[in-house]
Amino acid sequence: MIIKDIEYSKRFCKDLNKLPEQIIKIALKKELLFKCNPLHPSLRCHQLKGRLKGVWSLSVTDNYRIIFDRSLNGDIIFLSIGKHDIYKSL
């Protein structure tokens, strides 16, 4: 997986602003890691199944995830960030 650019949906920005400061700091570090090495084991990056088929997830912490989509040209759009229940609201 090659990452050219990361964009942020309005929902992602809104969700991010609701998170505790410590989680935001960790999420920013994970984003940098994701840009450098999207397949780093600590990100646990994987494609989702079922009704979210085609969308991807990466781990920020054990409890927090970033949900994203990717285009064929390598652009990434972060759709949402939050606890594991964000899968239900997409």
Protein backbone atom coordinates (compact mmCIF):
# COMPACT_ATOMS: atom_id res chain seq x y z
CA MET A 1 0.00 0.00 0.00
CA ILE A 2 1.45 3.35 -1.08
CA ILE A 3 0.11 6.53 0.47
CA LYS A 4 0.29 9.74 -1.53
CA ASP A 5 -1.96 12.01 0.49
CA ILE A 6 -4.32 11.83 3.46
CA GLU A 7 -7.55 13.82 3.47
CA TYR A 8 -9.93 14.21 6.40
CA SER A 9 -13.69 14.03 6.23
CA LYS A 10 -15.77 16.53 8.19
CA ARG A 11 -16.95 13.68 10.36
CA PHE A 12 -13.38 12.62 11.13
CA CYS A 13 -12.46 16.17 12.21
CA LYS A 14 -15.58 16.41 14.37
CA ASP A 15 -14.91 13.01 15.97
CA LEU A 16 -11.24 13.84 16.55
CA ASN A 17 -12.10 17.05 18.41
CA LYS A 18 -14.26 15.08 20.85
CA LEU A 19 -11.44 12.75 21.90
CA PRO A 20 -9.27 13.09 25.02
CA GLU A 21 -6.06 15.03 24.42
CA GLN A 22 -3.90 11.96 25.10
CA ILE A 23 -5.72 9.94 22.41
CA ILE A 24 -5.31 12.80 19.92
CA LYS A 25 -1.55 12.82 20.54
CA ILE A 26 -1.37 9.06 19.99
CA ALA A 27 -3.52 9.33 16.85
CA LEU A 28 -1.15 11.94 15.38
CA LYS A 29 1.81 9.65 16.01
CA LYS A 30 -0.02 6.72 14.43
CA GLU A 31 -0.85 8.86 11.39
CA LEU A 32 2.86 9.61 10.90
CA LEU A 33 3.68 5.93 11.24
CA PHE A 34 0.91 5.08 8.78
CA LYS A 35 2.34 7.53 6.22
CA CYS A 36 5.83 6.01 6.56
CA ASN A 37 4.85 2.36 6.90
CA PRO A 38 1.14 1.61 6.43
CA LEU A 39 1.71 -2.07 7.10
CA HIS A 40 3.51 -1.61 10.42
CA PRO A 41 2.26 -4.38 12.74
CA SER A 42 1.26 -1.98 15.54
CA LEU A 43 -1.33 -0.38 13.24
CA ARG A 44 -3.13 -3.68 12.68
CA CYS A 45 -4.33 -2.26 9.36
CA HIS A 46 -6.99 -4.41 7.73
CA GLN A 47 -9.89 -4.29 5.33
CA LEU A 48 -13.32 -4.54 6.91
CA LYS A 49 -15.99 -7.06 5.99
CA GLY A 50 -19.76 -7.20 5.80
CA ARG A 51 -21.57 -3.92 5.21
CA LEU A 52 -18.27 -2.02 5.53
CA LYS A 53 -16.56 -4.10 2.85
CA GLY A 54 -13.97 -2.03 1.02
CA VAL A 55 -13.33 0.28 3.97
CA TRP A 56 -10.21 -0.11 6.10
CA SER A 57 -9.35 0.19 9.79
CA LEU A 58 -6.18 0.95 11.68
CA SER A 59 -5.61 0.81 15.43
CA VAL A 60 -4.74 3.92 17.39
CA THR A 61 -4.89 2.09 20.74
CA ASP A 62 -6.55 -1.11 21.89
CA ASN A 63 -9.86 0.77 22.10
CA TYR A 64 -9.62 3.46 19.39
CA ARG A 65 -9.68 3.02 15.62
CA ILE A 66 -9.39 5.15 12.50
CA ILE A 67 -11.69 4.11 9.69
CA PHE A 68 -10.49 5.09 6.23
CA ASP A 69 -11.03 4.56 2.55
CA ARG A 70 -8.41 4.50 -0.16
CA SER A 71 -8.44 5.29 -3.85
CA LEU A 72 -6.59 3.51 -6.63
CA ASN A 73 -4.15 6.42 -6.97
CA GLY A 74 -2.99 6.06 -3.37
CA ASP A 75 -4.98 8.85 -1.72
CA ILE A 76 -6.44 8.07 1.70
CA ILE A 77 -9.47 9.66 3.32
CA PHE A 78 -9.89 9.29 7.05
CA LEU A 79 -13.63 8.81 7.57
CA SER A 80 -13.98 8.49 11.33
CA ILE A 81 -12.08 7.97 14.57
CA GLY A 82 -13.36 6.60 17.84
CA LYS A 83 -13.89 3.58 19.99
CA HIS A 84 -14.78 0.22 18.50
CA ASP A 85 -18.48 1.18 18.26
CA ILE A 86 -17.73 3.57 15.37
CA TYR A 87 -18.20 0.58 13.08
CA LYS A 88 -21.90 0.65 13.93
CA SER A 89 -22.37 4.31 13.02
CA LEU A 90 -20.86 4.21 9.54
